[in-house]
Amino acid sequence: MKVLYLLNFAGKAGTERYVESLVKYLGPQGSGQVEPYFAYNTAGLLVERLEAMGVPTRQLAMNSRFDLKAAKALAALCEEWDIDLIHCHYLRENYIALLAKTYNKKLRVVYTNHFILANDFVTRLSNRLLDKKQDRMIAVCRKGKEQLIANGWSGEKIHVLHNAVDLDAWAGSRANSTLRAELGISEDRFVMLCASRFAPDKGHDYLVRSMKALKDVTDVPFTLVLAGDGELLEPTRALCAELGLDEDTVKFIGFRKDMKNLFQAADLYVNSSQHEALSFLIIEAMAAGLPAAITDMAGNPDILTGPEQGGVLLPYDDPENTAKALARFLEDKDFLALCRENARKNVEARFEIRKLTQATYEIYEKAVKG
């Protein structure tokens, strides 16, 4: 089956990892069930990675959801490449792909929704109008499906498929990591890792205030390592200074590509986000053997509900109770070990990449068959 993966911005975030995984495991390097192609509006790291895998790529201007010129160009490109199905990942591309079906009757369209966002009235109305053209949809968490239905799409077309990872890719041990030596962190110091963009919905303000509260409830030495870049990086640094959190307590290390190295150095992965659908970083960290302490928001409860699944859910924007929950990981070694063991078991049972890609291919088949 020839599948065109369509993405507006081909950058470096979770959606791009999702596309890359599908190409890798369904394409010629994997099961061979899909002959992959890729089209994008704005170039980024994903284009380089897919081209290195031998995937044909093409830049396609997509200026708005109702860009008919883009729809015609997409239809022509699909005819040139003899595409069977387009897999979209944002609303703009999905609308353009659905409109392209007007010019290329063969096309079928699958849309994966990676967010939990309410649409405005006009968008909900246009969703309903285009719903008859939509073949299949994928939501990466249960609340994502609920929101899609609330946004005007037909529930019977929506499948819930969680994001997934390759466990073998994340296997390793502390001995393989160079991060502690790089940062001057001793082996006996407890390290928490949070890797995300410094953006309003990622909760860094709340997380940093939780570190201040944590210092008041535990005597165990700890360091929070913050990886990532973004608009709120400098304000977050300023907040740390204001709260008296020194570099031994909170370290900023910028955007990093060596996530496995970071995971292996840490004792706990922390997610403070308000609006995650289903975070790749959380399940990657758990695949690497890290327990997780994540906010009880959006799709995070789909990942875990308690220690039996490898961690705890944190009350969002509640530094005092978050600090109490984190303190248990620092002070109770048996609890930490239990969560570490269960984290990897949870990923193996529920978030393994080959199970996801095969389930995705089955959705492709349903879309093509009508």
Protein backbone atom coordinates (compact mmCIF):
# COMPACT_ATOMS: atom_id res chain seq x y z
CA MET A 1 0.00 0.00 0.00
CA LYS A 2 1.36 3.43 -0.96
CA VAL A 3 0.89 5.86 1.93
CA LEU A 4 1.66 9.58 1.84
CA TYR A 5 2.42 11.03 5.26
CA LEU A 6 1.37 14.68 5.22
CA LEU A 7 2.63 17.18 7.79
CA ASN A 8 2.65 20.97 7.83
CA PHE A 9 5.83 21.41 9.90
CA ALA A 10 8.40 18.63 9.79
CA GLY A 11 10.22 19.50 13.02
CA LYS A 12 11.43 17.56 16.04
CA ALA A 13 8.44 17.00 18.35
CA GLY A 14 6.28 14.01 19.24
CA THR A 15 4.19 14.05 16.07
CA GLU A 16 7.33 13.82 13.98
CA ARG A 17 8.52 10.83 16.03
CA TYR A 18 5.13 9.23 15.44
CA VAL A 19 5.47 9.60 11.66
CA GLU A 20 9.06 8.40 11.68
CA SER A 21 8.07 5.30 13.67
CA LEU A 22 5.29 4.39 11.24
CA VAL A 23 7.67 4.76 8.30
CA LYS A 24 10.36 2.71 10.01
CA TYR A 25 8.19 -0.18 11.15
CA LEU A 26 5.66 -0.36 8.30
CA GLY A 27 8.04 0.61 5.49
CA PRO A 28 10.78 -1.34 3.70
CA GLN A 29 13.00 -1.37 6.80
CA GLY A 30 10.21 -3.00 8.81
CA SER A 31 7.25 -5.15 7.82
CA GLY A 32 7.21 -3.86 4.23
CA GLN A 33 3.43 -3.45 4.32
CA VAL A 34 3.68 0.23 3.34
CA GLU A 35 5.56 2.05 0.60
CA PRO A 36 6.00 5.43 2.34
CA TYR A 37 6.09 8.93 0.86
CA PHE A 38 6.24 12.28 2.63
CA ALA A 39 4.98 15.79 1.88
CA TYR A 40 5.39 18.86 4.07
CA ASN A 41 5.02 22.62 4.11
CA THR A 42 7.91 23.77 6.33
CA ALA A 43 11.13 21.75 6.34
CA GLY A 44 12.79 20.50 9.50
CA LEU A 45 14.66 17.61 11.07
CA LEU A 46 12.08 15.02 10.03
CA VAL A 47 12.70 15.67 6.33
CA GLU A 48 16.39 14.88 6.80
CA ARG A 49 15.62 11.70 8.72
CA LEU A 50 13.10 10.39 6.21
CA GLU A 51 15.32 11.18 3.23
CA ALA A 52 18.12 9.28 4.97
CA MET A 53 15.71 6.31 5.09
CA GLY A 54 15.17 6.60 1.32
CA VAL A 55 11.64 8.05 1.54
CA PRO A 56 10.62 10.27 -1.43
CA THR A 57 9.76 13.74 -0.10
CA ARG A 58 8.17 16.83 -1.61
CA GLN A 59 7.53 20.33 -0.31
CA LEU A 60 3.91 21.45 -0.70
CA ALA A 61 2.70 24.94 0.22
CA MET A 62 -0.31 24.74 2.54
CA ASN A 63 -1.38 28.23 3.55
CA SER A 64 -4.71 27.54 5.25
CA ARG A 65 -7.25 24.79 5.92
CA PHE A 66 -9.28 25.70 2.85
CA ASP A 67 -6.33 26.14 0.50
CA LEU A 68 -7.85 24.80 -2.72
CA LYS A 69 -4.62 25.37 -4.62
CA ALA A 70 -2.86 23.12 -2.12
CA ALA A 71 -5.65 20.54 -2.40
CA LYS A 72 -5.27 20.43 -6.21
CA ALA A 73 -1.49 20.19 -5.91
CA LEU A 74 -1.82 17.40 -3.35
CA ALA A 75 -4.23 15.50 -5.59
CA ALA A 76 -1.80 15.82 -8.50
CA LEU A 77 1.13 14.70 -6.36
CA CYS A 78 -0.83 11.65 -5.21
CA GLU A 79 -1.64 10.82 -8.83
CA GLU A 80 2.05 11.19 -9.76
CA TRP A 81 3.09 8.83 -6.96
CA ASP A 82 -0.02 6.61 -7.31
CA ILE A 83 -0.87 7.08 -3.62
CA ASP A 84 -3.58 4.92 -2.04
CA LEU A 85 -3.95 6.70 1.28
CA ILE A 86 -2.95 9.99 2.95
CA HIS A 87 -2.16 9.96 6.67
CA CYS A 88 -2.54 13.45 8.19
CA HIS A 89 -1.63 14.77 11.63
CA TYR A 90 -3.05 18.29 12.01
CA LEU A 91 -6.37 19.85 11.09
CA ARG A 92 -4.96 22.02 8.30
CA GLU A 93 -3.46 19.10 6.42
CA ASN A 94 -6.51 16.95 7.08
CA TYR A 95 -8.87 19.50 5.53
CA ILE A 96 -6.59 19.87 2.50
CA ALA A 97 -6.40 16.09 2.09
CA LEU A 98 -10.18 15.77 2.33
CA LEU A 99 -10.59 18.51 -0.28
CA ALA A 100 -8.02 16.73 -2.48
CA LYS A 101 -10.44 13.79 -2.72
CA THR A 102 -12.61 16.05 -4.92
CA TYR A 103 -9.83 16.04 -7.54
CA ASN A 104 -8.55 12.48 -7.00
CA LYS A 105 -11.39 10.05 -6.31
CA LYS A 106 -9.05 7.17 -5.47
CA LEU A 107 -7.68 8.80 -2.33
CA ARG A 108 -8.52 7.71 1.18
CA VAL A 109 -7.66 9.79 4.25
CA VAL A 110 -6.71 8.83 7.81
CA TYR A 111 -6.25 11.59 10.39
CA THR A 112 -4.39 11.14 13.69
CA ASN A 113 -5.33 13.74 16.29
CA HIS A 114 -2.39 14.39 18.61
CA PHE A 115 -4.06 16.97 20.85
CA ILE A 116 -7.03 17.50 23.14
CA LEU A 117 -8.31 20.88 22.02
CA ALA A 118 -11.86 22.20 21.76
CA ASN A 119 -12.68 23.76 18.38
CA ASP A 120 -14.61 26.98 17.94
CA PHE A 121 -18.12 27.04 16.48
CA VAL A 122 -17.03 27.66 12.89
CA THR A 123 -14.51 24.82 13.01
CA ARG A 124 -17.02 22.43 14.57
CA LEU A 125 -19.44 23.27 11.76
CA SER A 126 -16.82 22.70 9.05
CA ASN A 127 -15.81 19.44 10.76
CA ARG A 128 -19.39 18.21 10.47
CA LEU A 129 -19.55 19.21 6.81
CA LEU A 130 -16.29 17.39 5.99
CA ASP A 131 -17.02 14.38 8.18
CA LYS A 132 -18.63 12.47 5.28
CA LYS A 133 -15.30 12.67 3.42
CA GLN A 134 -13.26 11.38 6.37
CA ASP A 135 -12.42 7.67 6.10
CA ARG A 136 -10.87 6.92 9.49
CA MET A 137 -9.50 8.84 12.47
CA ILE A 138 -7.06 7.91 15.22
CA ALA A 139 -7.03 9.45 18.70
CA VAL A 140 -3.93 8.78 20.80
CA CYS A 141 -5.91 8.73 24.08
CA ARG A 142 -9.47 8.28 25.30
CA LYS A 143 -10.02 11.96 26.03
CA GLY A 144 -8.77 12.71 22.54
CA LYS A 145 -11.61 10.63 21.10
CA GLU A 146 -14.12 12.35 23.35
CA GLN A 147 -12.90 15.74 22.17
CA LEU A 148 -13.03 14.74 18.50
CA ILE A 149 -16.68 13.75 18.92
CA ALA A 150 -17.39 17.02 20.73
CA ASN A 151 -15.69 18.81 17.83
CA GLY A 152 -18.19 17.36 15.36
CA TRP A 153 -16.62 14.15 14.00
CA SER A 154 -18.43 10.80 13.86
CA GLY A 155 -17.48 8.54 16.74
CA GLU A 156 -17.79 5.29 14.75
CA LYS A 157 -14.88 6.37 12.53
CA ILE A 158 -12.53 7.05 15.48
CA HIS A 159 -10.06 4.47 16.83
CA VAL A 160 -8.03 4.96 20.02
CA LEU A 161 -4.42 3.90 19.45
CA HIS A 162 -1.82 4.95 21.99
CA ASN A 163 1.61 6.16 20.97
CA ALA A 164 4.25 3.47 21.32
CA VAL A 165 8.01 2.84 21.46
CA ASP A 166 10.60 0.18 20.71
CA LEU A 167 11.75 -1.20 24.07
CA ASP A 168 15.02 -2.51 22.65
CA ALA A 169 15.97 1.00 21.55
CA TRP A 170 15.78 2.28 25.14
CA ALA A 171 17.46 -0.61 26.97
CA GLY A 172 20.63 0.20 28.89
CA SER A 173 22.06 1.05 32.30
CA ARG A 174 23.40 3.93 34.36
CA ALA A 175 26.93 2.87 33.44
CA ASN A 176 26.29 3.84 29.82
CA SER A 177 25.36 7.46 30.63
CA THR A 178 27.75 10.41 30.59
CA LEU A 179 25.29 13.03 31.84
CA ARG A 180 26.14 13.00 35.54
CA ALA A 181 29.83 13.42 34.78
CA GLU A 182 29.00 16.20 32.31
CA LEU A 183 26.92 18.08 34.88
CA GLY A 184 29.06 17.28 37.91
CA ILE A 185 26.29 15.33 39.68
CA SER A 186 27.40 12.62 42.10
CA GLU A 187 26.15 9.07 41.68
CA ASP A 188 24.38 9.12 45.06
CA ARG A 189 22.34 12.24 44.34
CA PHE A 190 18.67 11.73 43.32
CA VAL A 191 18.05 13.05 39.81
CA MET A 192 14.67 13.94 38.34
CA LEU A 193 14.39 14.64 34.62
CA CYS A 194 11.82 16.68 32.76
CA ALA A 195 12.27 17.17 29.01
CA SER A 196 9.78 19.44 27.25
CA ARG A 197 9.42 22.76 25.51
CA PHE A 198 9.32 25.80 27.76
CA ALA A 199 5.77 26.77 26.81
CA PRO A 200 2.72 27.85 28.85
CA ASP A 201 1.00 24.45 28.78
CA LYS A 202 4.08 22.53 29.99
CA GLY A 203 3.80 23.67 33.61
CA HIS A 204 7.42 24.59 34.32
CA ASP A 205 6.33 27.36 36.70
CA TYR A 206 4.36 24.83 38.75
CA LEU A 207 7.19 22.27 38.59
CA VAL A 208 9.82 24.71 39.81
CA ARG A 209 7.58 25.79 42.69
CA SER A 210 7.17 22.11 43.53
CA MET A 211 10.97 21.84 43.82
CA LYS A 212 10.93 24.68 46.32
CA ALA A 213 8.25 22.85 48.32
CA LEU A 214 10.17 19.56 48.03
CA LYS A 215 13.23 21.07 49.72
CA ASP A 216 10.99 21.77 52.71
CA VAL A 217 9.74 18.18 53.08
CA THR A 218 12.85 16.07 52.46
CA ASP A 219 16.50 16.04 53.45
CA VAL A 220 17.49 13.80 50.53
CA PRO A 221 19.76 15.73 48.12
CA PHE A 222 18.16 16.03 44.68
CA THR A 223 18.59 17.72 41.33
CA LEU A 224 15.93 18.48 38.73
CA VAL A 225 17.37 18.43 35.21
CA LEU A 226 15.32 20.47 32.73
CA ALA A 227 15.99 19.66 29.08
CA GLY A 228 14.45 21.72 26.29
CA ASP A 229 14.16 25.19 24.84
CA GLY A 230 11.30 27.59 24.18
CA GLU A 231 9.76 30.95 24.89
CA LEU A 232 9.53 30.52 28.68
CA LEU A 233 13.08 29.28 29.24
CA GLU A 234 14.45 32.56 30.55
CA PRO A 235 11.39 33.36 32.70
CA THR A 236 11.77 29.91 34.27
CA ARG A 237 15.43 30.61 35.03
CA ALA A 238 14.37 33.89 36.62
CA LEU A 239 11.77 32.12 38.77
CA CYS A 240 14.42 29.70 40.04
CA ALA A 241 16.60 32.64 41.07
CA GLU A 242 13.62 34.32 42.73
CA LEU A 243 12.86 31.16 44.73
CA GLY A 244 16.48 30.64 45.72
CA LEU A 245 16.88 27.39 43.77
CA ASP A 246 20.55 27.13 42.84
CA GLU A 247 22.16 25.13 40.02
CA ASP A 248 22.64 22.15 42.32
CA THR A 249 18.86 21.94 42.63
CA VAL A 250 17.71 22.86 39.12
CA LYS A 251 19.93 22.48 36.06
CA PHE A 252 18.97 23.78 32.60
CA ILE A 253 20.68 21.82 29.81
CA GLY A 254 18.90 23.08 26.67
CA PHE A 255 17.53 21.04 23.80
CA ARG A 256 19.11 17.59 23.63
CA LYS A 257 19.00 14.78 21.10
CA ASP A 258 20.67 12.21 23.40
CA MET A 259 17.51 11.31 25.33
CA LYS A 260 18.66 7.77 26.10
CA ASN A 261 21.75 9.21 27.76
CA LEU A 262 19.53 11.49 29.84
CA PHE A 263 17.11 8.75 30.86
CA GLN A 264 19.93 6.46 31.98
CA ALA A 265 21.32 9.15 34.26
CA ALA A 266 18.03 9.86 36.03
CA ASP A 267 16.12 8.18 38.85
CA LEU A 268 12.66 9.54 38.01
CA TYR A 269 10.92 11.11 35.03
CA VAL A 270 8.61 14.02 35.82
CA ASN A 271 5.94 15.51 33.58
CA SER A 272 4.24 18.74 34.69
CA SER A 273 2.13 19.38 31.60
CA GLN A 274 -1.46 20.58 31.48
CA HIS A 275 -2.39 19.45 27.97
CA GLU A 276 -0.54 16.26 26.98
CA ALA A 277 -2.51 13.92 24.74
CA LEU A 278 -0.13 10.97 25.08
CA SER A 279 3.50 11.92 25.60
CA PHE A 280 6.22 10.01 23.77
CA LEU A 281 8.76 11.19 26.30
CA ILE A 282 6.89 9.65 29.21
CA ILE A 283 6.63 6.21 27.64
CA GLU A 284 10.20 6.42 26.30
CA ALA A 285 11.42 7.18 29.82
CA MET A 286 9.43 4.25 31.21
CA ALA A 287 10.79 1.98 28.46
CA ALA A 288 14.26 3.00 29.64
CA GLY A 289 13.30 1.79 33.14
CA LEU A 290 12.40 5.09 34.75
CA PRO A 291 9.38 5.36 37.02
CA ALA A 292 7.20 8.34 36.16
CA ALA A 293 5.50 11.06 38.18
CA ILE A 294 3.08 12.77 35.79
CA THR A 295 0.20 15.20 36.09
CA ASP A 296 -3.32 13.84 36.31
CA MET A 297 -4.29 15.71 33.15
CA ALA A 298 -5.56 14.97 29.64
CA GLY A 299 -4.14 11.67 28.32
CA ASN A 300 -1.64 11.02 31.12
CA PRO A 301 -4.04 8.70 33.01
CA ASP A 302 -4.07 6.48 29.90
CA ILE A 303 -0.38 5.80 30.61
CA LEU A 304 -0.57 4.98 34.29
CA THR A 305 -2.87 5.26 37.27
CA GLY A 306 -0.54 4.14 40.07
CA PRO A 307 2.58 2.24 41.18
CA GLU A 308 1.30 -1.01 39.64
CA GLN A 309 1.81 0.66 36.26
CA GLY A 310 5.10 2.34 37.09
CA GLY A 311 4.50 5.64 38.85
CA VAL A 312 2.04 8.15 40.23
CA LEU A 313 -0.33 10.83 39.03
CA LEU A 314 0.36 14.31 40.38
CA PRO A 315 -2.22 17.02 41.17
CA TYR A 316 -1.65 19.73 38.55
CA ASP A 317 -0.64 23.17 39.82
CA ASP A 318 -0.44 21.97 43.43
CA PRO A 319 3.22 22.33 44.48
CA GLU A 320 2.72 21.23 48.08
CA ASN A 321 0.96 17.93 47.34
CA THR A 322 3.22 17.31 44.35
CA ALA A 323 6.23 17.70 46.64
CA LYS A 324 4.78 15.14 49.06
CA ALA A 325 4.23 12.66 46.22
CA LEU A 326 7.77 13.16 44.88
CA ALA A 327 9.30 12.82 48.33
CA ARG A 328 8.18 9.19 48.50
CA PHE A 329 10.37 8.36 45.49
CA LEU A 330 13.36 10.02 47.14
CA GLU A 331 12.90 8.44 50.55
CA ASP A 332 11.40 4.98 49.93
CA LYS A 333 13.86 2.86 47.94
CA ASP A 334 11.52 -0.14 47.82
CA PHE A 335 8.75 2.02 46.35
CA LEU A 336 11.15 3.45 43.77
CA ALA A 337 12.32 -0.04 42.78
CA LEU A 338 8.74 -1.31 42.47
CA CYS A 339 7.75 1.57 40.19
CA ARG A 340 10.89 1.15 38.11
CA GLU A 341 10.15 -2.55 37.52
CA ASN A 342 6.48 -1.95 36.72
CA ALA A 343 7.19 0.95 34.37
CA ARG A 344 8.96 -1.22 31.81
CA LYS A 345 6.39 -4.01 32.19
CA ASN A 346 3.63 -1.50 31.49
CA VAL A 347 5.28 -0.29 28.31
CA GLU A 348 5.93 -3.83 27.12
CA ALA A 349 2.29 -4.80 27.65
CA ARG A 350 0.55 -1.67 26.37
CA PHE A 351 2.87 0.64 24.39
CA GLU A 352 5.07 -1.63 22.24
CA ILE A 353 5.74 -0.18 18.80
CA ARG A 354 5.06 -3.24 16.64
CA LYS A 355 1.61 -3.67 18.17
CA LEU A 356 0.80 -0.02 17.39
CA THR A 357 2.07 -0.08 13.83
CA GLN A 358 0.20 -3.28 13.00
CA ALA A 359 -3.01 -1.83 14.46
CA THR A 360 -2.42 1.33 12.40
CA TYR A 361 -2.00 -0.71 9.23
CA GLU A 362 -5.28 -2.48 9.94
CA ILE A 363 -6.94 0.95 10.09
CA TYR A 364 -5.34 1.81 6.74
CA GLU A 365 -6.89 -1.34 5.29
CA LYS A 366 -10.33 -0.44 6.63
CA ALA A 367 -10.01 3.06 5.17
CA VAL A 368 -9.01 1.76 1.73
CA LYS A 369 -11.77 -0.86 1.67
CA GLY A 370 -14.36 1.78 2.65
